[in-house]
Amino acid sequence: AYALRLLGDIAARREPTQTGPVATHYRQALALAEELGMRPLEAHCHRGLGTLYAATGQREPARRALAAAIALYHDMEMTFWLPHAEAMLAQVK
């Protein structure tokens, strides 16, 4: 699951306009993280998807993904990542 997320991060940096492969990596990582109960990784995957969607002008999916990341970060008290996700969401609105 972590490797799939990392592939998404790498693909997002290498080819930011190629949303298909990037989103696929993040979604696969998210599905596996949910199945395995890896909540921090779930949050990171949502943040990755939200960032991707925001960068490509997909505002509503970006808002949903970032809101999910924020909720998870908040629930788990992951205060390091929370401000970044909140800032991204504020830019999308």
PDB file of N, CA and C in Angstrom:
ATOM      1  N   ALA A   1       0.835  -1.187   0.000  1.00  0.00           N
ATOM      2  CA  ALA A   1       0.000   0.000   0.000  1.00  0.00           C
ATOM      3  C   ALA A   1       0.882   1.253   0.000  1.00  0.00           C
ATOM      4  N   TYR A   2       1.936   1.240   0.823  1.00  0.00           N
ATOM      5  CA  TYR A   2       2.834   2.397   0.849  1.00  0.00           C
ATOM      6  C   TYR A   2       3.545   2.570  -0.493  1.00  0.00           C
ATOM      7  N   ALA A   3       3.929   1.452  -1.110  1.00  0.00           N
ATOM      8  CA  ALA A   3       4.614   1.523  -2.398  1.00  0.00           C
ATOM      9  C   ALA A   3       3.705   2.115  -3.472  1.00  0.00           C
ATOM     10  N   LEU A   4       2.434   1.753  -3.446  1.00  0.00           N
ATOM     11  CA  LEU A   4       1.494   2.306  -4.420  1.00  0.00           C
ATOM     12  C   LEU A   4       1.327   3.812  -4.228  1.00  0.00           C
ATOM     13  N   ARG A   5       1.259   4.241  -2.983  1.00  0.00           N
ATOM     14  CA  ARG A   5       1.157   5.682  -2.725  1.00  0.00           C
ATOM     15  C   ARG A   5       2.412   6.394  -3.207  1.00  0.00           C
ATOM     16  N   LEU A   6       3.556   5.793  -2.954  1.00  0.00           N
ATOM     17  CA  LEU A   6       4.811   6.382  -3.404  1.00  0.00           C
ATOM     18  C   LEU A   6       4.848   6.483  -4.928  1.00  0.00           C
ATOM     19  N   LEU A   7       4.352   5.459  -5.613  1.00  0.00           N
ATOM     20  CA  LEU A   7       4.272   5.516  -7.073  1.00  0.00           C
ATOM     21  C   LEU A   7       3.386   6.675  -7.520  1.00  0.00           C
ATOM     22  N   GLY A   8       2.290   6.896  -6.797  1.00  0.00           N
ATOM     23  CA  GLY A   8       1.422   8.034  -7.101  1.00  0.00           C
ATOM     24  C   GLY A   8       2.147   9.353  -6.905  1.00  0.00           C
ATOM     25  N   ASP A   9       2.879   9.475  -5.799  1.00  0.00           N
ATOM     26  CA  ASP A   9       3.636  10.703  -5.531  1.00  0.00           C
ATOM     27  C   ASP A   9       4.676  10.956  -6.627  1.00  0.00           C
ATOM     28  N   ILE A  10       5.373   9.908  -7.017  1.00  0.00           N
ATOM     29  CA  ILE A  10       6.404  10.037  -8.050  1.00  0.00           C
ATOM     30  C   ILE A  10       5.773  10.412  -9.382  1.00  0.00           C
ATOM     31  N   ALA A  11       4.711   9.724  -9.750  1.00  0.00           N
ATOM     32  CA  ALA A  11       4.042  10.010 -11.021  1.00  0.00           C
ATOM     33  C   ALA A  11       3.483  11.427 -11.041  1.00  0.00           C
ATOM     34  N   ALA A  12       2.983  11.899  -9.915  1.00  0.00           N
ATOM     35  CA  ALA A  12       2.431  13.257  -9.841  1.00  0.00           C
ATOM     36  C   ALA A  12       3.521  14.299 -10.089  1.00  0.00           C
ATOM     37  N   ARG A  13       4.721  14.024  -9.640  1.00  0.00           N
ATOM     38  CA  ARG A  13       5.821  14.973  -9.835  1.00  0.00           C
ATOM     39  C   ARG A  13       6.402  14.882 -11.245  1.00  0.00           C
ATOM     40  N   ARG A  14       6.447  13.685 -11.790  1.00  0.00           N
ATOM     41  CA  ARG A  14       7.046  13.493 -13.113  1.00  0.00           C
ATOM     42  C   ARG A  14       6.125  13.943 -14.225  1.00  0.00           C
ATOM     43  N   GLU A  15       4.849  13.572 -14.129  1.00  0.00           N
ATOM     44  CA  GLU A  15       3.892  13.878 -15.184  1.00  0.00           C
ATOM     45  C   GLU A  15       2.595  14.395 -14.575  1.00  0.00           C
ATOM     46  N   PRO A  16       2.600  15.635 -14.091  1.00  0.00           N
ATOM     47  CA  PRO A  16       1.421  16.146 -13.392  1.00  0.00           C
ATOM     48  C   PRO A  16       0.170  16.246 -14.262  1.00  0.00           C
ATOM     49  N   THR A  17       0.331  16.275 -15.580  1.00  0.00           N
ATOM     50  CA  THR A  17      -0.844  16.358 -16.454  1.00  0.00           C
ATOM     51  C   THR A  17      -1.434  14.990 -16.766  1.00  0.00           C
ATOM     52  N   GLN A  18      -0.717  13.936 -16.466  1.00  0.00           N
ATOM     53  CA  GLN A  18      -1.195  12.570 -16.706  1.00  0.00           C
ATOM     54  C   GLN A  18      -1.957  12.085 -15.477  1.00  0.00           C
ATOM     55  N   THR A  19      -3.170  12.564 -15.309  1.00  0.00           N
ATOM     56  CA  THR A  19      -3.914  12.286 -14.082  1.00  0.00           C
ATOM     57  C   THR A  19      -4.328  10.828 -13.946  1.00  0.00           C
ATOM     58  N   GLY A  20      -4.562  10.148 -15.047  1.00  0.00           N
ATOM     59  CA  GLY A  20      -5.033   8.762 -14.983  1.00  0.00           C
ATOM     60  C   GLY A  20      -4.132   7.842 -14.182  1.00  0.00           C
ATOM     61  N   PRO A  21      -2.862   7.706 -14.579  1.00  0.00           N
ATOM     62  CA  PRO A  21      -1.965   6.813 -13.839  1.00  0.00           C
ATOM     63  C   PRO A  21      -1.751   7.254 -12.389  1.00  0.00           C
ATOM     64  N   VAL A  22      -1.665   8.554 -12.172  1.00  0.00           N
ATOM     65  CA  VAL A  22      -1.453   9.066 -10.817  1.00  0.00           C
ATOM     66  C   VAL A  22      -2.636   8.696  -9.933  1.00  0.00           C
ATOM     67  N   ALA A  23      -3.838   8.996 -10.407  1.00  0.00           N
ATOM     68  CA  ALA A  23      -5.048   8.699  -9.637  1.00  0.00           C
ATOM     69  C   ALA A  23      -5.196   7.203  -9.404  1.00  0.00           C
ATOM     70  N   THR A  24      -4.828   6.407 -10.392  1.00  0.00           N
ATOM     71  CA  THR A  24      -4.925   4.949 -10.246  1.00  0.00           C
ATOM     72  C   THR A  24      -4.041   4.462  -9.107  1.00  0.00           C
ATOM     73  N   HIS A  25      -2.812   4.951  -9.051  1.00  0.00           N
ATOM     74  CA  HIS A  25      -1.908   4.544  -7.961  1.00  0.00           C
ATOM     75  C   HIS A  25      -2.485   4.935  -6.605  1.00  0.00           C
ATOM     76  N   TYR A  26      -2.956   6.175  -6.501  1.00  0.00           N
ATOM     77  CA  TYR A  26      -3.522   6.633  -5.228  1.00  0.00           C
ATOM     78  C   TYR A  26      -4.764   5.827  -4.844  1.00  0.00           C
ATOM     79  N   ARG A  27      -5.635   5.557  -5.816  1.00  0.00           N
ATOM     80  CA  ARG A  27      -6.860   4.799  -5.508  1.00  0.00           C
ATOM     81  C   ARG A  27      -6.544   3.366  -5.094  1.00  0.00           C
ATOM     82  N   GLN A  28      -5.572   2.749  -5.766  1.00  0.00           N
ATOM     83  CA  GLN A  28      -5.180   1.390  -5.385  1.00  0.00           C
ATOM     84  C   GLN A  28      -4.588   1.378  -3.981  1.00  0.00           C
ATOM     85  N   ALA A  29      -3.753   2.351  -3.684  1.00  0.00           N
ATOM     86  CA  ALA A  29      -3.169   2.448  -2.342  1.00  0.00           C
ATOM     87  C   ALA A  29      -4.257   2.691  -1.308  1.00  0.00           C
ATOM     88  N   LEU A  30      -5.218   3.547  -1.633  1.00  0.00           N
ATOM     89  CA  LEU A  30      -6.313   3.854  -0.722  1.00  0.00           C
ATOM     90  C   LEU A  30      -7.155   2.616  -0.443  1.00  0.00           C
ATOM     91  N   ALA A  31      -7.487   1.870  -1.477  1.00  0.00           N
ATOM     92  CA  ALA A  31      -8.295   0.657  -1.293  1.00  0.00           C
ATOM     93  C   ALA A  31      -7.577  -0.344  -0.397  1.00  0.00           C
ATOM     94  N   LEU A  32      -6.302  -0.526  -0.623  1.00  0.00           N
ATOM     95  CA  LEU A  32      -5.522  -1.462   0.184  1.00  0.00           C
ATOM     96  C   LEU A  32      -5.383  -0.954   1.619  1.00  0.00           C
ATOM     97  N   ALA A  33      -5.152   0.336   1.776  1.00  0.00           N
ATOM     98  CA  ALA A  33      -5.035   0.917   3.119  1.00  0.00           C
ATOM     99  C   ALA A  33      -6.338   0.749   3.898  1.00  0.00           C
ATOM    100  N   GLU A  34      -7.472   0.965   3.229  1.00  0.00           N
ATOM    101  CA  GLU A  34      -8.768   0.785   3.891  1.00  0.00           C
ATOM    102  C   GLU A  34      -8.965  -0.664   4.306  1.00  0.00           C
ATOM    103  N   GLU A  35      -8.607  -1.574   3.408  1.00  0.00           N
ATOM    104  CA  GLU A  35      -8.757  -3.007   3.689  1.00  0.00           C
ATOM    105  C   GLU A  35      -7.894  -3.438   4.873  1.00  0.00           C
ATOM    106  N   LEU A  36      -6.713  -2.859   4.982  1.00  0.00           N
ATOM    107  CA  LEU A  36      -5.768  -3.246   6.031  1.00  0.00           C
ATOM    108  C   LEU A  36      -5.875  -2.384   7.289  1.00  0.00           C
ATOM    109  N   GLY A  37      -6.769  -1.401   7.271  1.00  0.00           N
ATOM    110  CA  GLY A  37      -6.941  -0.537   8.437  1.00  0.00           C
ATOM    111  C   GLY A  37      -5.783   0.415   8.673  1.00  0.00           C
ATOM    112  N   MET A  38      -5.149   0.850   7.603  1.00  0.00           N
ATOM    113  CA  MET A  38      -4.000   1.754   7.692  1.00  0.00           C
ATOM    114  C   MET A  38      -4.494   3.199   7.543  1.00  0.00           C
ATOM    115  N   ARG A  39      -5.100   3.723   8.606  1.00  0.00           N
ATOM    116  CA  ARG A  39      -5.757   5.026   8.535  1.00  0.00           C
ATOM    117  C   ARG A  39      -4.825   6.189   8.187  1.00  0.00           C
ATOM    118  N   PRO A  40      -3.608   6.241   8.717  1.00  0.00           N
ATOM    119  CA  PRO A  40      -2.725   7.337   8.294  1.00  0.00           C
ATOM    120  C   PRO A  40      -2.462   7.319   6.785  1.00  0.00           C
ATOM    121  N   LEU A  41      -2.268   6.133   6.249  1.00  0.00           N
ATOM    122  CA  LEU A  41      -2.046   6.035   4.811  1.00  0.00           C
ATOM    123  C   LEU A  41      -3.307   6.425   4.041  1.00  0.00           C
ATOM    124  N   GLU A  42      -4.474   6.080   4.553  1.00  0.00           N
ATOM    125  CA  GLU A  42      -5.729   6.511   3.925  1.00  0.00           C
ATOM    126  C   GLU A  42      -5.751   8.030   3.809  1.00  0.00           C
ATOM    127  N   ALA A  43      -5.407   8.699   4.895  1.00  0.00           N
ATOM    128  CA  ALA A  43      -5.406  10.166   4.895  1.00  0.00           C
ATOM    129  C   ALA A  43      -4.432  10.710   3.858  1.00  0.00           C
ATOM    130  N   HIS A  44      -3.247  10.140   3.791  1.00  0.00           N
ATOM    131  CA  HIS A  44      -2.249  10.609   2.825  1.00  0.00           C
ATOM    132  C   HIS A  44      -2.720  10.382   1.387  1.00  0.00           C
ATOM    133  N   CYS A  45      -3.388   9.271   1.142  1.00  0.00           N
ATOM    134  CA  CYS A  45      -3.907   8.996  -0.202  1.00  0.00           C
ATOM    135  C   CYS A  45      -4.992  10.000  -0.580  1.00  0.00           C
ATOM    136  N   HIS A  46      -5.877  10.293   0.351  1.00  0.00           N
ATOM    137  CA  HIS A  46      -6.904  11.303   0.084  1.00  0.00           C
ATOM    138  C   HIS A  46      -6.253  12.656  -0.207  1.00  0.00           C
ATOM    139  N   ARG A  47      -5.219  13.002   0.567  1.00  0.00           N
ATOM    140  CA  ARG A  47      -4.527  14.277   0.336  1.00  0.00           C
ATOM    141  C   ARG A  47      -3.863  14.289  -1.036  1.00  0.00           C
ATOM    142  N   GLY A  48      -3.249  13.175  -1.413  1.00  0.00           N
ATOM    143  CA  GLY A  48      -2.626  13.085  -2.733  1.00  0.00           C
ATOM    144  C   GLY A  48      -3.638  13.248  -3.851  1.00  0.00           C
ATOM    145  N   LEU A  49      -4.772  12.563  -3.710  1.00  0.00           N
ATOM    146  CA  LEU A  49      -5.827  12.698  -4.717  1.00  0.00           C
ATOM    147  C   LEU A  49      -6.360  14.123  -4.754  1.00  0.00           C
ATOM    148  N   GLY A  50      -6.575  14.708  -3.590  1.00  0.00           N
ATOM    149  CA  GLY A  50      -7.082  16.077  -3.541  1.00  0.00           C
ATOM    150  C   GLY A  50      -6.130  17.064  -4.190  1.00  0.00           C
ATOM    151  N   THR A  51      -4.850  16.893  -3.938  1.00  0.00           N
ATOM    152  CA  THR A  51      -3.842  17.761  -4.540  1.00  0.00           C
ATOM    153  C   THR A  51      -3.830  17.594  -6.050  1.00  0.00           C
ATOM    154  N   LEU A  52      -3.912  16.355  -6.508  1.00  0.00           N
ATOM    155  CA  LEU A  52      -3.955  16.066  -7.943  1.00  0.00           C
ATOM    156  C   LEU A  52      -5.176  16.709  -8.587  1.00  0.00           C
ATOM    157  N   TYR A  53      -6.337  16.492  -7.992  1.00  0.00           N
ATOM    158  CA  TYR A  53      -7.563  17.054  -8.555  1.00  0.00           C
ATOM    159  C   TYR A  53      -7.519  18.578  -8.566  1.00  0.00           C
ATOM    160  N   ALA A  54      -7.000  19.177  -7.515  1.00  0.00           N
ATOM    161  CA  ALA A  54      -6.905  20.641  -7.454  1.00  0.00           C
ATOM    162  C   ALA A  54      -5.988  21.169  -8.558  1.00  0.00           C
ATOM    163  N   ALA A  55      -4.876  20.483  -8.777  1.00  0.00           N
ATOM    164  CA  ALA A  55      -3.912  20.918  -9.790  1.00  0.00           C
ATOM    165  C   ALA A  55      -4.464  20.815 -11.204  1.00  0.00           C
ATOM    166  N   THR A  56      -5.450  19.948 -11.395  1.00  0.00           N
ATOM    167  CA  THR A  56      -6.012  19.750 -12.732  1.00  0.00           C
ATOM    168  C   THR A  56      -7.391  20.387 -12.878  1.00  0.00           C
ATOM    169  N   GLY A  57      -7.756  21.240 -11.920  1.00  0.00           N
ATOM    170  CA  GLY A  57      -9.001  21.987 -12.026  1.00  0.00           C
ATOM    171  C   GLY A  57     -10.270  21.226 -11.697  1.00  0.00           C
ATOM    172  N   GLN A  58     -10.135  20.060 -11.084  1.00  0.00           N
ATOM    173  CA  GLN A  58     -11.308  19.259 -10.709  1.00  0.00           C
ATOM    174  C   GLN A  58     -11.688  19.627  -9.275  1.00  0.00           C
ATOM    175  N   ARG A  59     -12.403  20.727  -9.133  1.00  0.00           N
ATOM    176  CA  ARG A  59     -12.635  21.313  -7.823  1.00  0.00           C
ATOM    177  C   ARG A  59     -13.460  20.445  -6.880  1.00  0.00           C
ATOM    178  N   GLU A  60     -14.570  19.916  -7.339  1.00  0.00           N
ATOM    179  CA  GLU A  60     -15.427  19.144  -6.430  1.00  0.00           C
ATOM    180  C   GLU A  60     -14.740  17.871  -5.933  1.00  0.00           C
ATOM    181  N   PRO A  61     -14.135  17.065  -6.832  1.00  0.00           N
ATOM    182  CA  PRO A  61     -13.395  15.898  -6.321  1.00  0.00           C
ATOM    183  C   PRO A  61     -12.247  16.303  -5.395  1.00  0.00           C
ATOM    184  N   ALA A  62     -11.610  17.437  -5.693  1.00  0.00           N
ATOM    185  CA  ALA A  62     -10.522  17.919  -4.830  1.00  0.00           C
ATOM    186  C   ALA A  62     -11.052  18.242  -3.445  1.00  0.00           C
ATOM    187  N   ARG A  63     -12.186  18.928  -3.387  1.00  0.00           N
ATOM    188  CA  ARG A  63     -12.773  19.276  -2.083  1.00  0.00           C
ATOM    189  C   ARG A  63     -13.132  18.026  -1.289  1.00  0.00           C
ATOM    190  N   ARG A  64     -13.743  17.054  -1.963  1.00  0.00           N
ATOM    191  CA  ARG A  64     -14.135  15.814  -1.263  1.00  0.00           C
ATOM    192  C   ARG A  64     -12.917  15.077  -0.721  1.00  0.00           C
ATOM    193  N   ALA A  65     -11.898  14.929  -1.549  1.00  0.00           N
ATOM    194  CA  ALA A  65     -10.704  14.189  -1.131  1.00  0.00           C
ATOM    195  C   ALA A  65      -9.972  14.915  -0.003  1.00  0.00           C
ATOM    196  N   LEU A  66      -9.827  16.216  -0.130  1.00  0.00           N
ATOM    197  CA  LEU A  66      -9.131  16.977   0.913  1.00  0.00           C
ATOM    198  C   LEU A  66      -9.927  17.004   2.210  1.00  0.00           C
ATOM    199  N   ALA A  67     -11.249  17.101   2.109  1.00  0.00           N
ATOM    200  CA  ALA A  67     -12.082  17.065   3.324  1.00  0.00           C
ATOM    201  C   ALA A  67     -11.943  15.718   4.027  1.00  0.00           C
ATOM    202  N   ALA A  68     -11.862  14.640   3.248  1.00  0.00           N
ATOM    203  CA  ALA A  68     -11.676  13.311   3.840  1.00  0.00           C
ATOM    204  C   ALA A  68     -10.319  13.228   4.534  1.00  0.00           C
ATOM    205  N   ALA A  69      -9.283  13.763   3.888  1.00  0.00           N
ATOM    206  CA  ALA A  69      -7.948  13.764   4.497  1.00  0.00           C
ATOM    207  C   ALA A  69      -7.948  14.562   5.795  1.00  0.00           C
ATOM    208  N   ILE A  70      -8.567  15.731   5.770  1.00  0.00           N
ATOM    209  CA  ILE A  70      -8.617  16.588   6.960  1.00  0.00           C
ATOM    210  C   ILE A  70      -9.337  15.886   8.099  1.00  0.00           C
ATOM    211  N   ALA A  71     -10.457  15.248   7.796  1.00  0.00           N
ATOM    212  CA  ALA A  71     -11.211  14.538   8.836  1.00  0.00           C
ATOM    213  C   ALA A  71     -10.365  13.429   9.462  1.00  0.00           C
ATOM    214  N   LEU A  72      -9.662  12.679   8.632  1.00  0.00           N
ATOM    215  CA  LEU A  72      -8.814  11.601   9.149  1.00  0.00           C
ATOM    216  C   LEU A  72      -7.645  12.160   9.957  1.00  0.00           C
ATOM    217  N   TYR A  73      -6.980  13.181   9.430  1.00  0.00           N
ATOM    218  CA  TYR A  73      -5.868  13.786  10.173  1.00  0.00           C
ATOM    219  C   TYR A  73      -6.348  14.300  11.524  1.00  0.00           C
ATOM    220  N   HIS A  74      -7.502  14.944  11.529  1.00  0.00           N
ATOM    221  CA  HIS A  74      -8.054  15.488  12.776  1.00  0.00           C
ATOM    222  C   HIS A  74      -8.367  14.363  13.757  1.00  0.00           C
ATOM    223  N   ASP A  75      -9.058  13.325  13.281  1.00  0.00           N
ATOM    224  CA  ASP A  75      -9.429  12.197  14.146  1.00  0.00           C
ATOM    225  C   ASP A  75      -8.216  11.516  14.766  1.00  0.00           C
ATOM    226  N   MET A  76      -7.130  11.452  14.012  1.00  0.00           N
ATOM    227  CA  MET A  76      -5.926  10.770  14.489  1.00  0.00           C
ATOM    228  C   MET A  76      -4.927  11.732  15.132  1.00  0.00           C
ATOM    229  N   GLU A  77      -5.309  13.001  15.237  1.00  0.00           N
ATOM    230  CA  GLU A  77      -4.442  14.033  15.815  1.00  0.00           C
ATOM    231  C   GLU A  77      -3.086  14.109  15.106  1.00  0.00           C
ATOM    232  N   MET A  78      -3.129  14.020  13.786  1.00  0.00           N
ATOM    233  CA  MET A  78      -1.919  14.128  12.970  1.00  0.00           C
ATOM    234  C   MET A  78      -1.714  15.603  12.616  1.00  0.00           C
ATOM    235  N   THR A  79      -1.279  16.357  13.598  1.00  0.00           N
ATOM    236  CA  THR A  79      -1.224  17.809  13.474  1.00  0.00           C
ATOM    237  C   THR A  79      -0.156  18.313  12.504  1.00  0.00           C
ATOM    238  N   PHE A  80       0.809  17.501  12.180  1.00  0.00           N
ATOM    239  CA  PHE A  80       1.831  17.930  11.226  1.00  0.00           C
ATOM    240  C   PHE A  80       1.228  18.106   9.837  1.00  0.00           C
ATOM    241  N   TRP A  81       0.359  17.170   9.430  1.00  0.00           N
ATOM    242  CA  TRP A  81      -0.201  17.157   8.079  1.00  0.00           C
ATOM    243  C   TRP A  81      -1.467  18.002   7.949  1.00  0.00           C
ATOM    244  N   LEU A  82      -2.141  18.241   9.026  1.00  0.00           N
ATOM    245  CA  LEU A  82      -3.426  18.936   9.013  1.00  0.00           C
ATOM    246  C   LEU A  82      -3.357  20.334   8.387  1.00  0.00           C
ATOM    247  N   PRO A  83      -2.415  21.192   8.761  1.00  0.00           N
ATOM    248  CA  PRO A  83      -2.381  22.539   8.166  1.00  0.00           C
ATOM    249  C   PRO A  83      -2.185  22.531   6.648  1.00  0.00           C
ATOM    250  N   HIS A  84      -1.370  21.615   6.159  1.00  0.00           N
ATOM    251  CA  HIS A  84      -1.141  21.540   4.713  1.00  0.00           C
ATOM    252  C   HIS A  84      -2.431  21.186   3.985  1.00  0.00           C
ATOM    253  N   ALA A  85      -3.142  20.200   4.485  1.00  0.00           N
ATOM    254  CA  ALA A  85      -4.397  19.792   3.849  1.00  0.00           C
ATOM    255  C   ALA A  85      -5.438  20.909   3.936  1.00  0.00           C
ATOM    256  N   GLU A  86      -5.493  21.589   5.062  1.00  0.00           N
ATOM    257  CA  GLU A  86      -6.444  22.700   5.219  1.00  0.00           C
ATOM    258  C   GLU A  86      -6.108  23.850   4.269  1.00  0.00           C
ATOM    259  N   ALA A  87      -4.827  24.127   4.095  1.00  0.00           N
ATOM    260  CA  ALA A  87      -4.408  25.185   3.169  1.00  0.00           C
ATOM    261  C   ALA A  87      -4.766  24.825   1.733  1.00  0.00           C
ATOM    262  N   MET A  88      -4.570  23.569   1.383  1.00  0.00           N
ATOM    263  CA  MET A  88      -4.941  23.122   0.033  1.00  0.00           C
ATOM    264  C   MET A  88      -6.440  23.274  -0.189  1.00  0.00           C
ATOM    265  N   LEU A  89      -7.229  22.881   0.796  1.00  0.00           N
ATOM    266  CA  LEU A  89      -8.682  22.990   0.675  1.00  0.00           C
ATOM    267  C   LEU A  89      -9.105  24.451   0.538  1.00  0.00           C
ATOM    268  N   ALA A  90      -8.483  25.341   1.284  1.00  0.00           N
ATOM    269  CA  ALA A  90      -8.809  26.769   1.199  1.00  0.00           C
ATOM    270  C   ALA A  90      -8.507  27.322  -0.195  1.00  0.00           C
ATOM    271  N   GLN A  91      -7.469  26.814  -0.839  1.00  0.00           N
ATOM    272  CA  GLN A  91      -7.124  27.261  -2.193  1.00  0.00           C
ATOM    273  C   GLN A  91      -8.132  26.770  -3.222  1.00  0.00           C
ATOM    274  N   VAL A  92      -8.724  25.609  -2.975  1.00  0.00           N
ATOM    275  CA  VAL A  92      -9.679  25.028  -3.921  1.00  0.00           C
ATOM    276  C   VAL A  92     -11.010  25.761  -3.869  1.00  0.00           C
ATOM    277  N   LYS A  93     -11.401  26.220  -2.683  1.00  0.00           N
ATOM    278  CA  LYS A  93     -12.691  26.902  -2.524  1.00  0.00           C
ATOM    279  C   LYS A  93     -12.610  28.240  -3.179  1.00  0.00           C
TER     280      LYS A  93
END
